[in-house]
Amino acid sequence: MIEQALLQEEKRLLLDLKAKMDVREKASREAQLRMEAMVQAEQAQAKTHARAEILSLGPNEMMNGWGGNAQGDEKEPFEDFLNDEETENGGTVVRSEWREVGEFDLNTK
């Protein structure tokens, strides 16, 4: 009978411990779900804010790359710009159509 009582006591303690662990695990899962929900809400809010900023821009600002970044005064590059050579005064010299033996042309296909 004493053995039975001790065994019953151990089972009760084990069940109590298991119940406490289950409660902690459930609380931990709920906390993790709340954190994930908060992160998702923040991400959704950031997307909404970004969309609102885009929509608030005028058509000219969107066409010019968020306003002020456009460089409309750029010259059209030469067709053979990869093989152009710069001169000392900053200008470029376009090489002729012929290539020397062993020279690599970046514009050829």
N, C-alpha and C. Protein backbone atom coordinates (compact mmCIF):
# COMPACT_ATOMS: atom_id res chain seq x y z
N MET A 1 0.82 -1.19 0.00
CA MET A 1 0.00 0.00 0.00
C MET A 1 0.86 1.26 0.00
N ILE A 2 1.97 1.21 0.71
CA ILE A 2 2.87 2.36 0.73
C ILE A 2 3.44 2.60 -0.66
N GLU A 3 3.82 1.48 -1.34
CA GLU A 3 4.34 1.62 -2.70
C GLU A 3 3.29 2.23 -3.62
N GLN A 4 2.05 1.79 -3.48
CA GLN A 4 0.97 2.33 -4.29
C GLN A 4 0.78 3.83 -4.04
N ALA A 5 0.86 4.23 -2.77
CA ALA A 5 0.70 5.64 -2.41
C ALA A 5 1.84 6.46 -3.00
N LEU A 6 3.07 5.94 -2.91
CA LEU A 6 4.23 6.65 -3.48
C LEU A 6 4.10 6.75 -5.00
N LEU A 7 3.67 5.66 -5.62
CA LEU A 7 3.50 5.67 -7.06
C LEU A 7 2.42 6.67 -7.47
N GLN A 8 1.32 6.71 -6.75
CA GLN A 8 0.26 7.67 -7.02
C GLN A 8 0.77 9.11 -6.86
N GLU A 9 1.57 9.34 -5.82
CA GLU A 9 2.13 10.68 -5.58
C GLU A 9 3.05 11.10 -6.72
N GLU A 10 3.90 10.15 -7.18
CA GLU A 10 4.80 10.46 -8.30
C GLU A 10 4.01 10.76 -9.58
N LYS A 11 2.96 9.99 -9.83
CA LYS A 11 2.13 10.24 -11.01
C LYS A 11 1.48 11.62 -10.94
N ARG A 12 0.97 11.98 -9.74
CA ARG A 12 0.34 13.27 -9.57
C ARG A 12 1.34 14.40 -9.80
N LEU A 13 2.55 14.27 -9.25
CA LEU A 13 3.59 15.28 -9.45
C LEU A 13 3.99 15.39 -10.93
N LEU A 14 4.08 14.24 -11.59
CA LEU A 14 4.42 14.22 -13.01
C LEU A 14 3.33 14.91 -13.83
N LEU A 15 2.06 14.61 -13.52
CA LEU A 15 0.96 15.26 -14.24
C LEU A 15 0.92 16.76 -13.97
N ASP A 16 1.20 17.17 -12.74
CA ASP A 16 1.26 18.60 -12.41
C ASP A 16 2.37 19.30 -13.20
N LEU A 17 3.53 18.65 -13.23
CA LEU A 17 4.66 19.21 -13.96
C LEU A 17 4.35 19.30 -15.45
N LYS A 18 3.73 18.25 -16.00
CA LYS A 18 3.37 18.26 -17.41
C LYS A 18 2.36 19.37 -17.70
N ALA A 19 1.40 19.57 -16.82
CA ALA A 19 0.41 20.63 -17.01
C ALA A 19 1.08 22.00 -16.99
N LYS A 20 2.02 22.21 -16.08
CA LYS A 20 2.74 23.49 -16.02
C LYS A 20 3.54 23.71 -17.30
N MET A 21 4.19 22.66 -17.80
CA MET A 21 4.98 22.78 -19.03
C MET A 21 4.06 23.09 -20.21
N ASP A 22 2.89 22.45 -20.26
CA ASP A 22 1.94 22.72 -21.34
C ASP A 22 1.47 24.18 -21.31
N VAL A 23 1.21 24.71 -20.12
CA VAL A 23 0.78 26.09 -19.98
C VAL A 23 1.87 27.04 -20.46
N ARG A 24 3.11 26.77 -20.08
CA ARG A 24 4.22 27.62 -20.52
C ARG A 24 4.43 27.54 -22.02
N GLU A 25 4.32 26.33 -22.57
CA GLU A 25 4.50 26.17 -24.01
C GLU A 25 3.39 26.90 -24.78
N LYS A 26 2.16 26.81 -24.29
CA LYS A 26 1.05 27.50 -24.93
C LYS A 26 1.25 29.01 -24.86
N ALA A 27 1.68 29.50 -23.70
CA ALA A 27 1.93 30.94 -23.55
C ALA A 27 3.05 31.39 -24.48
N SER A 28 4.08 30.55 -24.59
CA SER A 28 5.20 30.89 -25.48
C SER A 28 4.73 30.94 -26.93
N ARG A 29 3.92 29.96 -27.36
CA ARG A 29 3.40 29.95 -28.72
C ARG A 29 2.53 31.18 -28.98
N GLU A 30 1.69 31.53 -28.01
CA GLU A 30 0.82 32.70 -28.17
C GLU A 30 1.65 33.98 -28.27
N ALA A 31 2.70 34.07 -27.46
CA ALA A 31 3.57 35.24 -27.52
C ALA A 31 4.27 35.33 -28.87
N GLN A 32 4.71 34.19 -29.38
CA GLN A 32 5.38 34.18 -30.67
C GLN A 32 4.40 34.57 -31.78
N LEU A 33 3.17 34.08 -31.71
CA LEU A 33 2.16 34.45 -32.70
C LEU A 33 1.85 35.94 -32.64
N ARG A 34 1.80 36.50 -31.42
CA ARG A 34 1.56 37.94 -31.29
C ARG A 34 2.71 38.73 -31.90
N MET A 35 3.94 38.27 -31.66
CA MET A 35 5.10 38.96 -32.24
C MET A 35 5.06 38.90 -33.77
N GLU A 36 4.74 37.72 -34.32
CA GLU A 36 4.66 37.59 -35.78
C GLU A 36 3.57 38.48 -36.34
N ALA A 37 2.43 38.56 -35.64
CA ALA A 37 1.34 39.42 -36.09
C ALA A 37 1.76 40.88 -36.06
N MET A 38 2.52 41.29 -35.03
CA MET A 38 2.99 42.67 -34.95
C MET A 38 3.95 42.98 -36.10
N VAL A 39 4.85 42.04 -36.40
CA VAL A 39 5.80 42.24 -37.49
C VAL A 39 5.05 42.36 -38.82
N GLN A 40 4.07 41.49 -39.03
CA GLN A 40 3.29 41.55 -40.27
C GLN A 40 2.52 42.86 -40.37
N ALA A 41 1.98 43.32 -39.24
CA ALA A 41 1.25 44.59 -39.23
C ALA A 41 2.20 45.75 -39.56
N GLU A 42 3.40 45.72 -39.01
CA GLU A 42 4.38 46.78 -39.29
C GLU A 42 4.79 46.75 -40.76
N GLN A 43 4.97 45.55 -41.31
CA GLN A 43 5.33 45.45 -42.73
C GLN A 43 4.20 45.96 -43.61
N ALA A 44 2.97 45.61 -43.27
CA ALA A 44 1.83 46.09 -44.05
C ALA A 44 1.72 47.61 -43.96
N GLN A 45 1.98 48.15 -42.78
CA GLN A 45 1.92 49.60 -42.61
C GLN A 45 3.02 50.28 -43.42
N ALA A 46 4.21 49.68 -43.45
CA ALA A 46 5.31 50.25 -44.24
C ALA A 46 4.97 50.22 -45.73
N LYS A 47 4.37 49.12 -46.20
CA LYS A 47 3.98 49.04 -47.61
C LYS A 47 2.93 50.10 -47.93
N THR A 48 1.96 50.24 -47.04
CA THR A 48 0.91 51.24 -47.25
C THR A 48 1.50 52.64 -47.29
N HIS A 49 2.44 52.91 -46.40
CA HIS A 49 3.10 54.22 -46.37
C HIS A 49 3.87 54.46 -47.66
N ALA A 50 4.59 53.44 -48.13
CA ALA A 50 5.37 53.57 -49.36
C ALA A 50 4.44 53.82 -50.55
N ARG A 51 3.32 53.10 -50.60
CA ARG A 51 2.37 53.31 -51.69
C ARG A 51 1.80 54.71 -51.64
N ALA A 52 1.50 55.18 -50.43
CA ALA A 52 0.95 56.53 -50.30
C ALA A 52 1.95 57.57 -50.78
N GLU A 53 3.23 57.36 -50.48
CA GLU A 53 4.27 58.28 -50.95
C GLU A 53 4.35 58.29 -52.47
N ILE A 54 4.28 57.09 -53.06
CA ILE A 54 4.35 57.00 -54.52
C ILE A 54 3.16 57.71 -55.14
N LEU A 55 1.97 57.47 -54.58
CA LEU A 55 0.77 58.09 -55.15
C LEU A 55 0.76 59.60 -54.95
N SER A 56 1.46 60.08 -53.93
CA SER A 56 1.46 61.52 -53.68
C SER A 56 2.40 62.26 -54.62
N LEU A 57 3.28 61.54 -55.30
CA LEU A 57 4.19 62.17 -56.25
C LEU A 57 3.44 62.54 -57.51
N GLY A 58 3.85 63.60 -58.12
CA GLY A 58 3.26 64.00 -59.40
C GLY A 58 3.85 63.20 -60.51
N PRO A 59 3.21 63.20 -61.69
CA PRO A 59 3.71 62.42 -62.82
C PRO A 59 5.12 62.81 -63.23
N ASN A 60 5.45 64.10 -63.18
CA ASN A 60 6.80 64.53 -63.56
C ASN A 60 7.84 63.99 -62.61
N GLU A 61 7.52 63.96 -61.32
CA GLU A 61 8.49 63.46 -60.35
C GLU A 61 8.71 61.97 -60.53
N MET A 62 7.64 61.23 -60.85
CA MET A 62 7.80 59.80 -61.06
C MET A 62 8.59 59.53 -62.33
N MET A 63 8.37 60.31 -63.37
CA MET A 63 9.10 60.12 -64.61
C MET A 63 10.58 60.47 -64.43
N ASN A 64 10.89 61.38 -63.57
CA ASN A 64 12.26 61.82 -63.37
C ASN A 64 12.96 61.05 -62.26
N GLY A 65 12.45 59.92 -61.87
CA GLY A 65 13.13 59.10 -60.87
C GLY A 65 13.07 59.73 -59.50
N TRP A 66 11.88 59.94 -58.96
CA TRP A 66 11.65 60.46 -57.61
C TRP A 66 12.04 61.93 -57.50
N GLY A 67 12.04 62.62 -58.57
CA GLY A 67 12.23 64.06 -58.56
C GLY A 67 13.67 64.48 -58.33
N GLY A 68 14.19 65.26 -59.22
CA GLY A 68 15.52 65.84 -59.04
C GLY A 68 16.66 64.94 -59.44
N ASN A 69 16.42 63.66 -59.68
CA ASN A 69 17.51 62.76 -60.03
C ASN A 69 17.73 62.66 -61.54
N ALA A 70 16.85 63.26 -62.30
CA ALA A 70 16.95 63.13 -63.75
C ALA A 70 18.17 63.90 -64.25
N GLN A 71 18.81 63.32 -65.23
CA GLN A 71 19.95 63.98 -65.85
C GLN A 71 19.64 64.11 -67.33
N GLY A 72 18.76 65.04 -67.64
CA GLY A 72 18.27 65.20 -69.00
C GLY A 72 19.28 65.79 -69.95
N ASP A 73 20.35 66.36 -69.46
CA ASP A 73 21.32 67.00 -70.35
C ASP A 73 22.44 66.05 -70.76
N GLU A 74 22.28 64.75 -70.51
CA GLU A 74 23.31 63.81 -70.93
C GLU A 74 23.31 63.67 -72.44
N LYS A 75 24.48 63.51 -73.01
CA LYS A 75 24.60 63.30 -74.44
C LYS A 75 24.39 61.83 -74.73
N GLU A 76 23.93 61.56 -75.94
CA GLU A 76 23.78 60.17 -76.36
C GLU A 76 25.17 59.55 -76.49
N PRO A 77 25.35 58.34 -75.97
CA PRO A 77 26.67 57.70 -76.09
C PRO A 77 26.93 57.26 -77.52
N PHE A 78 28.20 57.18 -77.86
CA PHE A 78 28.58 56.67 -79.16
C PHE A 78 28.19 55.21 -79.23
N GLU A 79 27.98 54.72 -80.44
CA GLU A 79 27.62 53.33 -80.60
C GLU A 79 28.75 52.42 -80.12
N ASP A 80 29.96 52.87 -80.30
CA ASP A 80 31.14 52.09 -79.93
C ASP A 80 31.76 52.64 -78.64
N PHE A 81 30.92 53.03 -77.67
CA PHE A 81 31.43 53.72 -76.49
C PHE A 81 32.32 52.86 -75.61
N LEU A 82 32.18 51.53 -75.66
CA LEU A 82 33.02 50.69 -74.80
C LEU A 82 34.47 50.69 -75.24
N ASN A 83 34.73 50.99 -76.49
CA ASN A 83 36.10 50.98 -76.98
C ASN A 83 36.63 52.39 -77.22
N ASP A 84 35.93 53.40 -76.77
CA ASP A 84 36.40 54.78 -76.90
C ASP A 84 37.59 55.00 -75.98
N GLU A 85 38.46 55.89 -76.37
CA GLU A 85 39.60 56.23 -75.53
C GLU A 85 39.50 57.69 -75.13
N GLU A 86 39.80 57.97 -73.87
CA GLU A 86 39.75 59.36 -73.40
C GLU A 86 41.06 60.05 -73.73
N THR A 87 40.95 61.33 -74.10
CA THR A 87 42.15 62.14 -74.35
C THR A 87 42.50 62.87 -73.06
N GLU A 88 43.61 63.57 -73.08
CA GLU A 88 44.06 64.28 -71.87
C GLU A 88 43.10 65.38 -71.45
N ASN A 89 42.39 66.01 -72.39
CA ASN A 89 41.48 67.10 -72.03
C ASN A 89 40.07 66.59 -71.70
N GLY A 90 39.88 65.27 -71.57
CA GLY A 90 38.60 64.73 -71.16
C GLY A 90 37.70 64.31 -72.31
N GLY A 91 38.06 64.65 -73.53
CA GLY A 91 37.25 64.24 -74.68
C GLY A 91 37.47 62.77 -74.98
N THR A 92 36.70 62.25 -75.91
CA THR A 92 36.88 60.85 -76.28
C THR A 92 37.22 60.76 -77.76
N VAL A 93 37.98 59.76 -78.08
CA VAL A 93 38.35 59.51 -79.46
C VAL A 93 37.76 58.16 -79.82
N VAL A 94 36.97 58.13 -80.89
CA VAL A 94 36.37 56.87 -81.32
C VAL A 94 37.38 56.16 -82.19
N ARG A 95 37.61 54.91 -81.88
CA ARG A 95 38.57 54.13 -82.66
C ARG A 95 37.99 53.79 -84.02
N SER A 96 38.84 53.55 -84.94
CA SER A 96 38.38 53.20 -86.29
C SER A 96 37.79 51.78 -86.26
N GLU A 97 37.19 51.41 -87.38
CA GLU A 97 36.50 50.14 -87.46
C GLU A 97 37.44 48.93 -87.42
N TRP A 98 38.69 49.07 -87.85
CA TRP A 98 39.58 47.93 -87.86
C TRP A 98 40.17 47.71 -86.47
N ARG A 99 40.48 46.50 -86.17
CA ARG A 99 41.06 46.14 -84.88
C ARG A 99 42.40 45.46 -85.11
N GLU A 100 43.31 45.67 -84.20
CA GLU A 100 44.61 45.03 -84.29
C GLU A 100 44.48 43.58 -83.83
N VAL A 101 45.41 42.75 -84.21
CA VAL A 101 45.40 41.35 -83.84
C VAL A 101 45.50 41.24 -82.32
N GLY A 102 44.61 40.44 -81.76
CA GLY A 102 44.65 40.21 -80.30
C GLY A 102 43.90 41.27 -79.50
N GLU A 103 43.32 42.27 -80.14
CA GLU A 103 42.59 43.31 -79.42
C GLU A 103 41.16 42.84 -79.18
N PHE A 104 40.66 43.07 -78.01
CA PHE A 104 39.32 42.62 -77.63
C PHE A 104 38.32 43.76 -77.82
N ASP A 105 37.28 43.50 -78.60
CA ASP A 105 36.25 44.51 -78.86
C ASP A 105 35.02 44.15 -78.05
N LEU A 106 34.65 45.01 -77.10
CA LEU A 106 33.51 44.74 -76.23
C LEU A 106 32.17 44.91 -76.93
N ASN A 107 32.16 45.55 -78.08
CA ASN A 107 30.90 45.79 -78.78
C ASN A 107 30.57 44.75 -79.82
N THR A 108 31.48 43.84 -80.12
CA THR A 108 31.20 42.83 -81.15
C THR A 108 30.35 41.73 -80.56
N LYS A 109 29.61 41.11 -81.42
CA LYS A 109 28.70 40.05 -80.97
C LYS A 109 29.24 38.70 -81.30
